[in-house]
Amino acid sequence: QVQFVESGGGLVQPGGSLRLSCTASGTFGRDSSVGWYRQVPGNKREMVARINSDGTTDYPVSVKGRFTISRDVEKNTLFLQMNNLKPEDSSDYYCNRVGPLYYNWGLGTRVTVSS
């Protein structure tokens, strides 16, 4: 079983940037597709970025061009660079593998975009 620790969240003004990190205990494995997700309490969790084993990435329209996912396989670490943040990006952010089967969710890291 893999466990995740997300970090890097915080309070940022609209237009600002944050870089999130996710460290996994246990190995993702080089053949795993992994992603970043976000969830506002009471709402459905949504994927905001994924990276596949071949390095290709994918993003929903809502964050495309602003978010960049990357990974360090050797260090079992996943990153999410978030630029030009908007108030609607405020959420708790989590990492996990791409579904439908997930590892246990970590505690997440909270991002608040507000002036």
PDB file of N, CA and C in Angstrom:
ATOM      1  N   GLN A   1       0.856  -1.193   0.000  1.00  0.00           N
ATOM      2  CA  GLN A   1       0.000   0.000   0.000  1.00  0.00           C
ATOM      3  C   GLN A   1       0.889   1.240   0.000  1.00  0.00           C
ATOM      4  N   VAL A   2       0.466   2.242  -0.715  1.00  0.00           N
ATOM      5  CA  VAL A   2       1.211   3.500  -0.818  1.00  0.00           C
ATOM      6  C   VAL A   2       0.510   4.550   0.023  1.00  0.00           C
ATOM      7  N   GLN A   3       1.298   5.353   0.707  1.00  0.00           N
ATOM      8  CA  GLN A   3       0.744   6.478   1.461  1.00  0.00           C
ATOM      9  C   GLN A   3       1.348   7.764   0.935  1.00  0.00           C
ATOM     10  N   PHE A   4       0.531   8.813   0.939  1.00  0.00           N
ATOM     11  CA  PHE A   4       0.937  10.079   0.355  1.00  0.00           C
ATOM     12  C   PHE A   4       0.985  11.189   1.393  1.00  0.00           C
ATOM     13  N   VAL A   5       1.954  12.076   1.212  1.00  0.00           N
ATOM     14  CA  VAL A   5       2.024  13.285   2.027  1.00  0.00           C
ATOM     15  C   VAL A   5       2.130  14.467   1.073  1.00  0.00           C
ATOM     16  N   GLU A   6       1.098  15.273   1.044  1.00  0.00           N
ATOM     17  CA  GLU A   6       1.062  16.441   0.183  1.00  0.00           C
ATOM     18  C   GLU A   6       1.504  17.673   0.958  1.00  0.00           C
ATOM     19  N   SER A   7       2.151  18.590   0.276  1.00  0.00           N
ATOM     20  CA  SER A   7       2.612  19.819   0.923  1.00  0.00           C
ATOM     21  C   SER A   7       2.715  20.940  -0.102  1.00  0.00           C
ATOM     22  N   GLY A   8       2.907  22.143   0.396  1.00  0.00           N
ATOM     23  CA  GLY A   8       3.131  23.281  -0.491  1.00  0.00           C
ATOM     24  C   GLY A   8       1.949  24.219  -0.632  1.00  0.00           C
ATOM     25  N   GLY A   9       0.830  23.864  -0.034  1.00  0.00           N
ATOM     26  CA  GLY A   9      -0.330  24.740  -0.126  1.00  0.00           C
ATOM     27  C   GLY A   9      -0.156  25.991   0.715  1.00  0.00           C
ATOM     28  N   GLY A  10      -1.123  26.878   0.599  1.00  0.00           N
ATOM     29  CA  GLY A  10      -1.068  28.105   1.375  1.00  0.00           C
ATOM     30  C   GLY A  10      -2.017  29.144   0.831  1.00  0.00           C
ATOM     31  N   LEU A  11      -1.858  30.344   1.330  1.00  0.00           N
ATOM     32  CA  LEU A  11      -2.673  31.473   0.892  1.00  0.00           C
ATOM     33  C   LEU A  11      -1.902  32.264  -0.151  1.00  0.00           C
ATOM     34  N   VAL A  12      -2.540  32.532  -1.254  1.00  0.00           N
ATOM     35  CA  VAL A  12      -1.890  33.265  -2.331  1.00  0.00           C
ATOM     36  C   VAL A  12      -2.909  34.205  -2.960  1.00  0.00           C
ATOM     37  N   GLN A  13      -2.422  35.319  -3.477  1.00  0.00           N
ATOM     38  CA  GLN A  13      -3.315  36.265  -4.134  1.00  0.00           C
ATOM     39  C   GLN A  13      -3.643  35.798  -5.546  1.00  0.00           C
ATOM     40  N   PRO A  14      -4.770  36.216  -6.078  1.00  0.00           N
ATOM     41  CA  PRO A  14      -5.077  35.896  -7.468  1.00  0.00           C
ATOM     42  C   PRO A  14      -3.937  36.310  -8.385  1.00  0.00           C
ATOM     43  N   GLY A  15      -3.606  35.435  -9.317  1.00  0.00           N
ATOM     44  CA  GLY A  15      -2.485  35.672 -10.211  1.00  0.00           C
ATOM     45  C   GLY A  15      -1.172  35.122  -9.701  1.00  0.00           C
ATOM     46  N   GLY A  16      -1.153  34.681  -8.463  1.00  0.00           N
ATOM     47  CA  GLY A  16       0.064  34.150  -7.874  1.00  0.00           C
ATOM     48  C   GLY A  16       0.326  32.702  -8.248  1.00  0.00           C
ATOM     49  N   SER A  17       1.397  32.171  -7.689  1.00  0.00           N
ATOM     50  CA  SER A  17       1.825  30.813  -8.007  1.00  0.00           C
ATOM     51  C   SER A  17       2.114  30.023  -6.738  1.00  0.00           C
ATOM     52  N   LEU A  18       1.937  28.725  -6.851  1.00  0.00           N
ATOM     53  CA  LEU A  18       2.326  27.790  -5.807  1.00  0.00           C
ATOM     54  C   LEU A  18       2.864  26.531  -6.460  1.00  0.00           C
ATOM     55  N   ARG A  19       3.726  25.848  -5.733  1.00  0.00           N
ATOM     56  CA  ARG A  19       4.221  24.559  -6.190  1.00  0.00           C
ATOM     57  C   ARG A  19       3.919  23.524  -5.122  1.00  0.00           C
ATOM     58  N   LEU A  20       3.100  22.574  -5.484  1.00  0.00           N
ATOM     59  CA  LEU A  20       2.735  21.506  -4.563  1.00  0.00           C
ATOM     60  C   LEU A  20       3.656  20.314  -4.753  1.00  0.00           C
ATOM     61  N   SER A  21       3.889  19.607  -3.664  1.00  0.00           N
ATOM     62  CA  SER A  21       4.692  18.392  -3.704  1.00  0.00           C
ATOM     63  C   SER A  21       3.914  17.251  -3.076  1.00  0.00           C
ATOM     64  N   CYS A  22       4.172  16.073  -3.553  1.00  0.00           N
ATOM     65  CA  CYS A  22       3.550  14.878  -3.008  1.00  0.00           C
ATOM     66  C   CYS A  22       4.624  13.806  -2.912  1.00  0.00           C
ATOM     67  N   THR A  23       4.869  13.363  -1.700  1.00  0.00           N
ATOM     68  CA  THR A  23       5.845  12.312  -1.501  1.00  0.00           C
ATOM     69  C   THR A  23       5.116  11.028  -1.143  1.00  0.00           C
ATOM     70  N   ALA A  24       5.507   9.954  -1.803  1.00  0.00           N
ATOM     71  CA  ALA A  24       4.853   8.669  -1.578  1.00  0.00           C
ATOM     72  C   ALA A  24       5.774   7.736  -0.809  1.00  0.00           C
ATOM     73  N   SER A  25       5.223   7.091   0.193  1.00  0.00           N
ATOM     74  CA  SER A  25       5.947   6.013   0.850  1.00  0.00           C
ATOM     75  C   SER A  25       5.554   4.741   0.126  1.00  0.00           C
ATOM     76  N   GLY A  26       6.521   3.953  -0.248  1.00  0.00           N
ATOM     77  CA  GLY A  26       6.223   2.880  -1.179  1.00  0.00           C
ATOM     78  C   GLY A  26       6.421   3.474  -2.566  1.00  0.00           C
ATOM     79  N   THR A  27       6.408   2.662  -3.530  1.00  0.00           N
ATOM     80  CA  THR A  27       6.753   3.146  -4.849  1.00  0.00           C
ATOM     81  C   THR A  27       5.538   3.225  -5.751  1.00  0.00           C
ATOM     82  N   PHE A  28       5.457   4.315  -6.482  1.00  0.00           N
ATOM     83  CA  PHE A  28       4.435   4.410  -7.511  1.00  0.00           C
ATOM     84  C   PHE A  28       4.649   3.340  -8.568  1.00  0.00           C
ATOM     85  N   GLY A  29       5.903   3.157  -8.863  1.00  0.00           N
ATOM     86  CA  GLY A  29       6.205   2.277  -9.979  1.00  0.00           C
ATOM     87  C   GLY A  29       6.291   3.084 -11.253  1.00  0.00           C
ATOM     88  N   ARG A  30       7.227   2.732 -12.087  1.00  0.00           N
ATOM     89  CA  ARG A  30       7.429   3.484 -13.320  1.00  0.00           C
ATOM     90  C   ARG A  30       6.266   3.304 -14.285  1.00  0.00           C
ATOM     91  N   ASP A  31       5.466   2.280 -14.103  1.00  0.00           N
ATOM     92  CA  ASP A  31       4.382   2.051 -15.042  1.00  0.00           C
ATOM     93  C   ASP A  31       3.057   2.588 -14.548  1.00  0.00           C
ATOM     94  N   SER A  32       3.113   3.462 -13.558  1.00  0.00           N
ATOM     95  CA  SER A  32       1.880   3.990 -12.995  1.00  0.00           C
ATOM     96  C   SER A  32       1.555   5.352 -13.587  1.00  0.00           C
ATOM     97  N   SER A  33       0.298   5.547 -13.875  1.00  0.00           N
ATOM     98  CA  SER A  33      -0.205   6.880 -14.184  1.00  0.00           C
ATOM     99  C   SER A  33      -0.692   7.485 -12.882  1.00  0.00           C
ATOM    100  N   VAL A  34      -0.249   8.684 -12.600  1.00  0.00           N
ATOM    101  CA  VAL A  34      -0.580   9.328 -11.339  1.00  0.00           C
ATOM    102  C   VAL A  34      -1.111  10.733 -11.591  1.00  0.00           C
ATOM    103  N   GLY A  35      -1.778  11.257 -10.601  1.00  0.00           N
ATOM    104  CA  GLY A  35      -2.380  12.560 -10.832  1.00  0.00           C
ATOM    105  C   GLY A  35      -2.572  13.379  -9.578  1.00  0.00           C
ATOM    106  N   TRP A  36      -2.940  14.627  -9.804  1.00  0.00           N
ATOM    107  CA  TRP A  36      -3.345  15.539  -8.751  1.00  0.00           C
ATOM    108  C   TRP A  36      -4.857  15.731  -8.836  1.00  0.00           C
ATOM    109  N   TYR A  37      -5.452  15.786  -7.666  1.00  0.00           N
ATOM    110  CA  TYR A  37      -6.886  15.949  -7.563  1.00  0.00           C
ATOM    111  C   TYR A  37      -7.175  17.093  -6.601  1.00  0.00           C
ATOM    112  N   ARG A  38      -8.367  17.631  -6.701  1.00  0.00           N
ATOM    113  CA  ARG A  38      -8.752  18.631  -5.720  1.00  0.00           C
ATOM    114  C   ARG A  38     -10.210  18.424  -5.335  1.00  0.00           C
ATOM    115  N   GLN A  39     -10.504  18.864  -4.129  1.00  0.00           N
ATOM    116  CA  GLN A  39     -11.859  18.684  -3.626  1.00  0.00           C
ATOM    117  C   GLN A  39     -12.182  19.785  -2.638  1.00  0.00           C
ATOM    118  N   VAL A  40     -13.283  20.449  -2.905  1.00  0.00           N
ATOM    119  CA  VAL A  40     -13.842  21.388  -1.940  1.00  0.00           C
ATOM    120  C   VAL A  40     -14.788  20.593  -1.053  1.00  0.00           C
ATOM    121  N   PRO A  41     -14.676  20.714   0.259  1.00  0.00           N
ATOM    122  CA  PRO A  41     -15.559  19.934   1.139  1.00  0.00           C
ATOM    123  C   PRO A  41     -17.016  20.035   0.712  1.00  0.00           C
ATOM    124  N   GLY A  42     -17.644  18.867   0.567  1.00  0.00           N
ATOM    125  CA  GLY A  42     -19.025  18.806   0.139  1.00  0.00           C
ATOM    126  C   GLY A  42     -19.193  18.638  -1.351  1.00  0.00           C
ATOM    127  N   ASN A  43     -18.102  18.796  -2.086  1.00  0.00           N
ATOM    128  CA  ASN A  43     -18.154  18.632  -3.536  1.00  0.00           C
ATOM    129  C   ASN A  43     -17.415  17.375  -3.961  1.00  0.00           C
ATOM    130  N   LYS A  44     -17.593  17.011  -5.205  1.00  0.00           N
ATOM    131  CA  LYS A  44     -16.943  15.833  -5.751  1.00  0.00           C
ATOM    132  C   LYS A  44     -15.463  16.120  -6.004  1.00  0.00           C
ATOM    133  N   ARG A  45     -14.635  15.109  -5.773  1.00  0.00           N
ATOM    134  CA  ARG A  45     -13.227  15.248  -6.067  1.00  0.00           C
ATOM    135  C   ARG A  45     -13.023  15.239  -7.573  1.00  0.00           C
ATOM    136  N   GLU A  46     -12.167  16.110  -8.087  1.00  0.00           N
ATOM    137  CA  GLU A  46     -11.892  16.169  -9.509  1.00  0.00           C
ATOM    138  C   GLU A  46     -10.394  16.104  -9.757  1.00  0.00           C
ATOM    139  N   MET A  47     -10.049  15.507 -10.887  1.00  0.00           N
ATOM    140  CA  MET A  47      -8.658  15.448 -11.288  1.00  0.00           C
ATOM    141  C   MET A  47      -8.297  16.752 -11.975  1.00  0.00           C
ATOM    142  N   VAL A  48      -7.126  17.301 -11.622  1.00  0.00           N
ATOM    143  CA  VAL A  48      -6.677  18.524 -12.264  1.00  0.00           C
ATOM    144  C   VAL A  48      -5.421  18.319 -13.098  1.00  0.00           C
ATOM    145  N   ALA A  49      -4.785  17.173 -12.972  1.00  0.00           N
ATOM    146  CA  ALA A  49      -3.596  16.894 -13.778  1.00  0.00           C
ATOM    147  C   ALA A  49      -3.261  15.420 -13.660  1.00  0.00           C
ATOM    148  N   ARG A  50      -2.750  14.862 -14.747  1.00  0.00           N
ATOM    149  CA  ARG A  50      -2.262  13.492 -14.715  1.00  0.00           C
ATOM    150  C   ARG A  50      -0.992  13.399 -15.538  1.00  0.00           C
ATOM    151  N   ILE A  51      -0.159  12.466 -15.125  1.00  0.00           N
ATOM    152  CA  ILE A  51       1.049  12.176 -15.887  1.00  0.00           C
ATOM    153  C   ILE A  51       1.150  10.672 -16.040  1.00  0.00           C
ATOM    154  N   ASN A  52       1.395  10.248 -17.242  1.00  0.00           N
ATOM    155  CA  ASN A  52       1.433   8.829 -17.548  1.00  0.00           C
ATOM    156  C   ASN A  52       2.861   8.301 -17.493  1.00  0.00           C
ATOM    157  N   SER A  53       2.991   7.001 -17.586  1.00  0.00           N
ATOM    158  CA  SER A  53       4.306   6.378 -17.454  1.00  0.00           C
ATOM    159  C   SER A  53       5.239   6.825 -18.573  1.00  0.00           C
ATOM    160  N   ASP A  54       4.681   7.218 -19.718  1.00  0.00           N
ATOM    161  CA  ASP A  54       5.530   7.667 -20.823  1.00  0.00           C
ATOM    162  C   ASP A  54       5.816   9.158 -20.763  1.00  0.00           C
ATOM    163  N   GLY A  55       5.349   9.802 -19.687  1.00  0.00           N
ATOM    164  CA  GLY A  55       5.634  11.223 -19.499  1.00  0.00           C
ATOM    165  C   GLY A  55       4.600  12.159 -20.082  1.00  0.00           C
ATOM    166  N   THR A  56       3.650  11.627 -20.807  1.00  0.00           N
ATOM    167  CA  THR A  56       2.613  12.501 -21.353  1.00  0.00           C
ATOM    168  C   THR A  56       1.706  12.981 -20.232  1.00  0.00           C
ATOM    169  N   THR A  57       1.152  14.139 -20.434  1.00  0.00           N
ATOM    170  CA  THR A  57       0.324  14.761 -19.401  1.00  0.00           C
ATOM    171  C   THR A  57      -1.030  15.155 -19.974  1.00  0.00           C
ATOM    172  N   ASP A  58      -1.944  15.408 -19.075  1.00  0.00           N
ATOM    173  CA  ASP A  58      -3.281  15.814 -19.493  1.00  0.00           C
ATOM    174  C   ASP A  58      -3.895  16.667 -18.395  1.00  0.00           C
ATOM    175  N   TYR A  59      -4.685  17.660 -18.826  1.00  0.00           N
ATOM    176  CA  TYR A  59      -5.295  18.593 -17.893  1.00  0.00           C
ATOM    177  C   TYR A  59      -6.714  18.921 -18.335  1.00  0.00           C
ATOM    178  N   PRO A  60      -7.587  19.195 -17.411  1.00  0.00           N
ATOM    179  CA  PRO A  60      -8.900  19.692 -17.812  1.00  0.00           C
ATOM    180  C   PRO A  60      -8.770  21.130 -18.306  1.00  0.00           C
ATOM    181  N   VAL A  61      -9.756  21.569 -19.024  1.00  0.00           N
ATOM    182  CA  VAL A  61      -9.734  22.904 -19.606  1.00  0.00           C
ATOM    183  C   VAL A  61      -9.569  23.978 -18.534  1.00  0.00           C
ATOM    184  N   SER A  62     -10.136  23.717 -17.365  1.00  0.00           N
ATOM    185  CA  SER A  62     -10.140  24.716 -16.302  1.00  0.00           C
ATOM    186  C   SER A  62      -8.745  25.118 -15.827  1.00  0.00           C
ATOM    187  N   VAL A  63      -7.761  24.223 -15.999  1.00  0.00           N
ATOM    188  CA  VAL A  63      -6.409  24.539 -15.511  1.00  0.00           C
ATOM    189  C   VAL A  63      -5.363  24.468 -16.609  1.00  0.00           C
ATOM    190  N   LYS A  64      -5.739  24.053 -17.783  1.00  0.00           N
ATOM    191  CA  LYS A  64      -4.770  23.879 -18.862  1.00  0.00           C
ATOM    192  C   LYS A  64      -4.084  25.199 -19.173  1.00  0.00           C
ATOM    193  N   GLY A  65      -2.756  25.125 -19.293  1.00  0.00           N
ATOM    194  CA  GLY A  65      -1.984  26.331 -19.552  1.00  0.00           C
ATOM    195  C   GLY A  65      -1.542  27.040 -18.294  1.00  0.00           C
ATOM    196  N   ARG A  66      -2.115  26.665 -17.167  1.00  0.00           N
ATOM    197  CA  ARG A  66      -1.741  27.285 -15.888  1.00  0.00           C
ATOM    198  C   ARG A  66      -1.070  26.295 -14.943  1.00  0.00           C
ATOM    199  N   PHE A  67      -1.448  25.043 -14.993  1.00  0.00           N
ATOM    200  CA  PHE A  67      -0.904  24.002 -14.117  1.00  0.00           C
ATOM    201  C   PHE A  67       0.033  23.099 -14.907  1.00  0.00           C
ATOM    202  N   THR A  68       1.087  22.660 -14.238  1.00  0.00           N
ATOM    203  CA  THR A  68       2.033  21.730 -14.848  1.00  0.00           C
ATOM    204  C   THR A  68       2.378  20.635 -13.848  1.00  0.00           C
ATOM    205  N   ILE A  69       2.163  19.405 -14.251  1.00  0.00           N
ATOM    206  CA  ILE A  69       2.483  18.269 -13.403  1.00  0.00           C
ATOM    207  C   ILE A  69       3.826  17.687 -13.827  1.00  0.00           C
ATOM    208  N   SER A  70       4.581  17.233 -12.848  1.00  0.00           N
ATOM    209  CA  SER A  70       5.849  16.564 -13.139  1.00  0.00           C
ATOM    210  C   SER A  70       6.115  15.547 -12.033  1.00  0.00           C
ATOM    211  N   ARG A  71       7.052  14.662 -12.296  1.00  0.00           N
ATOM    212  CA  ARG A  71       7.337  13.621 -11.308  1.00  0.00           C
ATOM    213  C   ARG A  71       8.817  13.304 -11.278  1.00  0.00           C
ATOM    214  N   ASP A  72       9.272  12.899 -10.125  1.00  0.00           N
ATOM    215  CA  ASP A  72      10.617  12.377  -9.948  1.00  0.00           C
ATOM    216  C   ASP A  72      10.435  10.932  -9.508  1.00  0.00           C
ATOM    217  N   VAL A  73      10.549  10.028 -10.449  1.00  0.00           N
ATOM    218  CA  VAL A  73      10.279   8.622 -10.166  1.00  0.00           C
ATOM    219  C   VAL A  73      11.253   8.085  -9.133  1.00  0.00           C
ATOM    220  N   GLU A  74      12.507   8.467  -9.224  1.00  0.00           N
ATOM    221  CA  GLU A  74      13.523   7.952  -8.303  1.00  0.00           C
ATOM    222  C   GLU A  74      13.221   8.338  -6.865  1.00  0.00           C
ATOM    223  N   LYS A  75      12.632   9.521  -6.691  1.00  0.00           N
ATOM    224  CA  LYS A  75      12.334  10.009  -5.344  1.00  0.00           C
ATOM    225  C   LYS A  75      10.869   9.804  -4.970  1.00  0.00           C
ATOM    226  N   ASN A  76      10.120   9.125  -5.826  1.00  0.00           N
ATOM    227  CA  ASN A  76       8.692   8.896  -5.551  1.00  0.00           C
ATOM    228  C   ASN A  76       7.970  10.192  -5.210  1.00  0.00           C
ATOM    229  N   THR A  77       8.260  11.219  -5.954  1.00  0.00           N
ATOM    230  CA  THR A  77       7.681  12.527  -5.668  1.00  0.00           C
ATOM    231  C   THR A  77       6.973  13.066  -6.897  1.00  0.00           C
ATOM    232  N   LEU A  78       5.846  13.666  -6.650  1.00  0.00           N
ATOM    233  CA  LEU A  78       5.020  14.255  -7.689  1.00  0.00           C
ATOM    234  C   LEU A  78       4.904  15.750  -7.398  1.00  0.00           C
ATOM    235  N   PHE A  79       4.899  16.560  -8.443  1.00  0.00           N
ATOM    236  CA  PHE A  79       4.821  18.006  -8.273  1.00  0.00           C
ATOM    237  C   PHE A  79       3.659  18.574  -9.078  1.00  0.00           C
ATOM    238  N   LEU A  80       3.179  19.719  -8.621  1.00  0.00           N
ATOM    239  CA  LEU A  80       2.182  20.455  -9.380  1.00  0.00           C
ATOM    240  C   LEU A  80       2.534  21.931  -9.295  1.00  0.00           C
ATOM    241  N   GLN A  81       2.988  22.477 -10.403  1.00  0.00           N
ATOM    242  CA  GLN A  81       3.258  23.906 -10.481  1.00  0.00           C
ATOM    243  C   GLN A  81       1.970  24.585 -10.915  1.00  0.00           C
ATOM    244  N   MET A  82       1.520  25.534 -10.108  1.00  0.00           N
ATOM    245  CA  MET A  82       0.269  26.227 -10.383  1.00  0.00           C
ATOM    246  C   MET A  82       0.556  27.713 -10.544  1.00  0.00           C
ATOM    247  N   ASN A  83       0.270  28.221 -11.715  1.00  0.00           N
ATOM    248  CA  ASN A  83       0.502  29.631 -12.017  1.00  0.00           C
ATOM    249  C   ASN A  83      -0.821  30.332 -12.298  1.00  0.00           C
ATOM    250  N   ASN A  84      -0.787  31.644 -12.227  1.00  0.00           N
ATOM    251  CA  ASN A  84      -1.974  32.448 -12.506  1.00  0.00           C
ATOM    252  C   ASN A  84      -3.196  31.896 -11.764  1.00  0.00           C
ATOM    253  N   LEU A  85      -3.026  31.714 -10.494  1.00  0.00           N
ATOM    254  CA  LEU A  85      -4.091  31.109  -9.699  1.00  0.00           C
ATOM    255  C   LEU A  85      -5.311  32.009  -9.614  1.00  0.00           C
ATOM    256  N   LYS A  86      -6.461  31.369  -9.565  1.00  0.00           N
ATOM    257  CA  LYS A  86      -7.740  32.062  -9.509  1.00  0.00           C
ATOM    258  C   LYS A  86      -8.478  31.664  -8.225  1.00  0.00           C
ATOM    259  N   PRO A  87      -9.384  32.487  -7.766  1.00  0.00           N
ATOM    260  CA  PRO A  87     -10.134  32.135  -6.552  1.00  0.00           C
ATOM    261  C   PRO A  87     -10.812  30.769  -6.656  1.00  0.00           C
ATOM    262  N   GLU A  88     -11.257  30.397  -7.850  1.00  0.00           N
ATOM    263  CA  GLU A  88     -11.922  29.103  -8.000  1.00  0.00           C
ATOM    264  C   GLU A  88     -10.972  27.920  -7.911  1.00  0.00           C
ATOM    265  N   ASP A  89      -9.672  28.192  -7.843  1.00  0.00           N
ATOM    266  CA  ASP A  89      -8.707  27.110  -7.616  1.00  0.00           C
ATOM    267  C   ASP A  89      -8.583  26.767  -6.133  1.00  0.00           C
ATOM    268  N   SER A  90      -9.201  27.555  -5.289  1.00  0.00           N
ATOM    269  CA  SER A  90      -9.144  27.278  -3.850  1.00  0.00           C
ATOM    270  C   SER A  90      -9.773  25.918  -3.575  1.00  0.00           C
ATOM    271  N   SER A  91      -9.006  25.069  -2.895  1.00  0.00           N
ATOM    272  CA  SER A  91      -9.470  23.716  -2.650  1.00  0.00           C
ATOM    273  C   SER A  91      -8.430  22.967  -1.831  1.00  0.00           C
ATOM    274  N   ASP A  92      -8.771  21.763  -1.427  1.00  0.00           N
ATOM    275  CA  ASP A  92      -7.784  20.835  -0.884  1.00  0.00           C
ATOM    276  C   ASP A  92      -7.263  19.993  -2.041  1.00  0.00           C
ATOM    277  N   TYR A  93      -5.950  19.858  -2.107  1.00  0.00           N
ATOM    278  CA  TYR A  93      -5.311  19.154  -3.211  1.00  0.00           C
ATOM    279  C   TYR A  93      -4.687  17.845  -2.724  1.00  0.00           C
ATOM    280  N   TYR A  94      -4.873  16.808  -3.522  1.00  0.00           N
ATOM    281  CA  TYR A  94      -4.412  15.468  -3.189  1.00  0.00           C
ATOM    282  C   TYR A  94      -3.711  14.851  -4.391  1.00  0.00           C
ATOM    283  N   CYS A  95      -2.885  13.868  -4.122  1.00  0.00           N
ATOM    284  CA  CYS A  95      -2.297  13.085  -5.204  1.00  0.00           C
ATOM    285  C   CYS A  95      -2.682  11.627  -5.011  1.00  0.00           C
ATOM    286  N   ASN A  96      -2.680  10.913  -6.093  1.00  0.00           N
ATOM    287  CA  ASN A  96      -2.990   9.488  -6.065  1.00  0.00           C
ATOM    288  C   ASN A  96      -2.756   8.947  -7.464  1.00  0.00           C
ATOM    289  N   ARG A  97      -2.881   7.667  -7.584  1.00  0.00           N
ATOM    290  CA  ARG A  97      -2.784   7.126  -8.928  1.00  0.00           C
ATOM    291  C   ARG A  97      -4.074   7.411  -9.674  1.00  0.00           C
ATOM    292  N   VAL A  98      -4.040   7.222 -10.974  1.00  0.00           N
ATOM    293  CA  VAL A  98      -5.234   7.397 -11.775  1.00  0.00           C
ATOM    294  C   VAL A  98      -6.156   6.223 -11.527  1.00  0.00           C
ATOM    295  N   GLY A  99      -7.428   6.500 -11.348  1.00  0.00           N
ATOM    296  CA  GLY A  99      -8.406   5.495 -11.003  1.00  0.00           C
ATOM    297  C   GLY A  99      -8.666   4.492 -12.095  1.00  0.00           C
ATOM    298  N   PRO A 100      -9.635   3.565 -11.886  1.00  0.00           N
ATOM    299  CA  PRO A 100     -10.641   3.668 -10.831  1.00  0.00           C
ATOM    300  C   PRO A 100     -10.240   3.128  -9.468  1.00  0.00           C
ATOM    301  N   LEU A 101      -9.119   2.443  -9.390  1.00  0.00           N
ATOM    302  CA  LEU A 101      -8.691   1.945  -8.088  1.00  0.00           C
ATOM    303  C   LEU A 101      -7.644   2.892  -7.519  1.00  0.00           C
ATOM    304  N   TYR A 102      -7.857   3.328  -6.292  1.00  0.00           N
ATOM    305  CA  TYR A 102      -6.971   4.300  -5.677  1.00  0.00           C
ATOM    306  C   TYR A 102      -6.313   3.720  -4.446  1.00  0.00           C
ATOM    307  N   TYR A 103      -5.130   4.260  -4.137  1.00  0.00           N
ATOM    308  CA  TYR A 103      -4.536   4.000  -2.841  1.00  0.00           C
ATOM    309  C   TYR A 103      -5.288   4.840  -1.801  1.00  0.00           C
ATOM    310  N   ASN A 104      -4.967   4.633  -0.523  1.00  0.00           N
ATOM    311  CA  ASN A 104      -5.567   5.479   0.506  1.00  0.00           C
ATOM    312  C   ASN A 104      -5.198   6.936   0.256  1.00  0.00           C
ATOM    313  N   TRP A 105      -6.150   7.810   0.466  1.00  0.00           N
ATOM    314  CA  TRP A 105      -5.910   9.225   0.253  1.00  0.00           C
ATOM    315  C   TRP A 105      -5.138   9.823   1.413  1.00  0.00           C
ATOM    316  N   GLY A 106      -4.237  10.746   1.086  1.00  0.00           N
ATOM    317  CA  GLY A 106      -3.523  11.471   2.128  1.00  0.00           C
ATOM    318  C   GLY A 106      -4.392  12.566   2.717  1.00  0.00           C
ATOM    319  N   LEU A 107      -3.778  13.392   3.542  1.00  0.00           N
ATOM    320  CA  LEU A 107      -4.511  14.478   4.184  1.00  0.00           C
ATOM    321  C   LEU A 107      -4.700  15.681   3.266  1.00  0.00           C
ATOM    322  N   GLY A 108      -3.941  15.734   2.209  1.00  0.00           N
ATOM    323  CA  GLY A 108      -4.059  16.840   1.269  1.00  0.00           C
ATOM    324  C   GLY A 108      -3.332  18.084   1.744  1.00  0.00           C
ATOM    325  N   THR A 109      -3.306  19.063   0.868  1.00  0.00           N
ATOM    326  CA  THR A 109      -2.735  20.368   1.215  1.00  0.00           C
ATOM    327  C   THR A 109      -3.710  21.430   0.714  1.00  0.00           C
ATOM    328  N   ARG A 110      -3.980  22.415   1.539  1.00  0.00           N
ATOM    329  CA  ARG A 110      -5.023  23.380   1.223  1.00  0.00           C
ATOM    330  C   ARG A 110      -4.444  24.585   0.484  1.00  0.00           C
ATOM    331  N   VAL A 111      -5.118  24.935  -0.585  1.00  0.00           N
ATOM    332  CA  VAL A 111      -4.772  26.121  -1.365  1.00  0.00           C
ATOM    333  C   VAL A 111      -5.920  27.113  -1.255  1.00  0.00           C
ATOM    334  N   THR A 112      -5.586  28.319  -0.863  1.00  0.00           N
ATOM    335  CA  THR A 112      -6.572  29.387  -0.784  1.00  0.00           C
ATOM    336  C   THR A 112      -6.101  30.554  -1.634  1.00  0.00           C
ATOM    337  N   VAL A 113      -6.911  30.916  -2.594  1.00  0.00           N
ATOM    338  CA  VAL A 113      -6.585  32.028  -3.489  1.00  0.00           C
ATOM    339  C   VAL A 113      -7.538  33.168  -3.167  1.00  0.00           C
ATOM    340  N   SER A 114      -6.987  34.209  -2.597  1.00  0.00           N
ATOM    341  CA  SER A 114      -7.823  35.319  -2.145  1.00  0.00           C
ATOM    342  C   SER A 114      -6.987  36.576  -2.011  1.00  0.00           C
ATOM    343  N   SER A 115      -7.624  37.691  -2.274  1.00  0.00           N
ATOM    344  CA  SER A 115      -6.949  38.966  -2.077  1.00  0.00           C
ATOM    345  C   SER A 115      -7.252  39.520  -0.689  1.00  0.00           C
TER     346      SER A 115
END
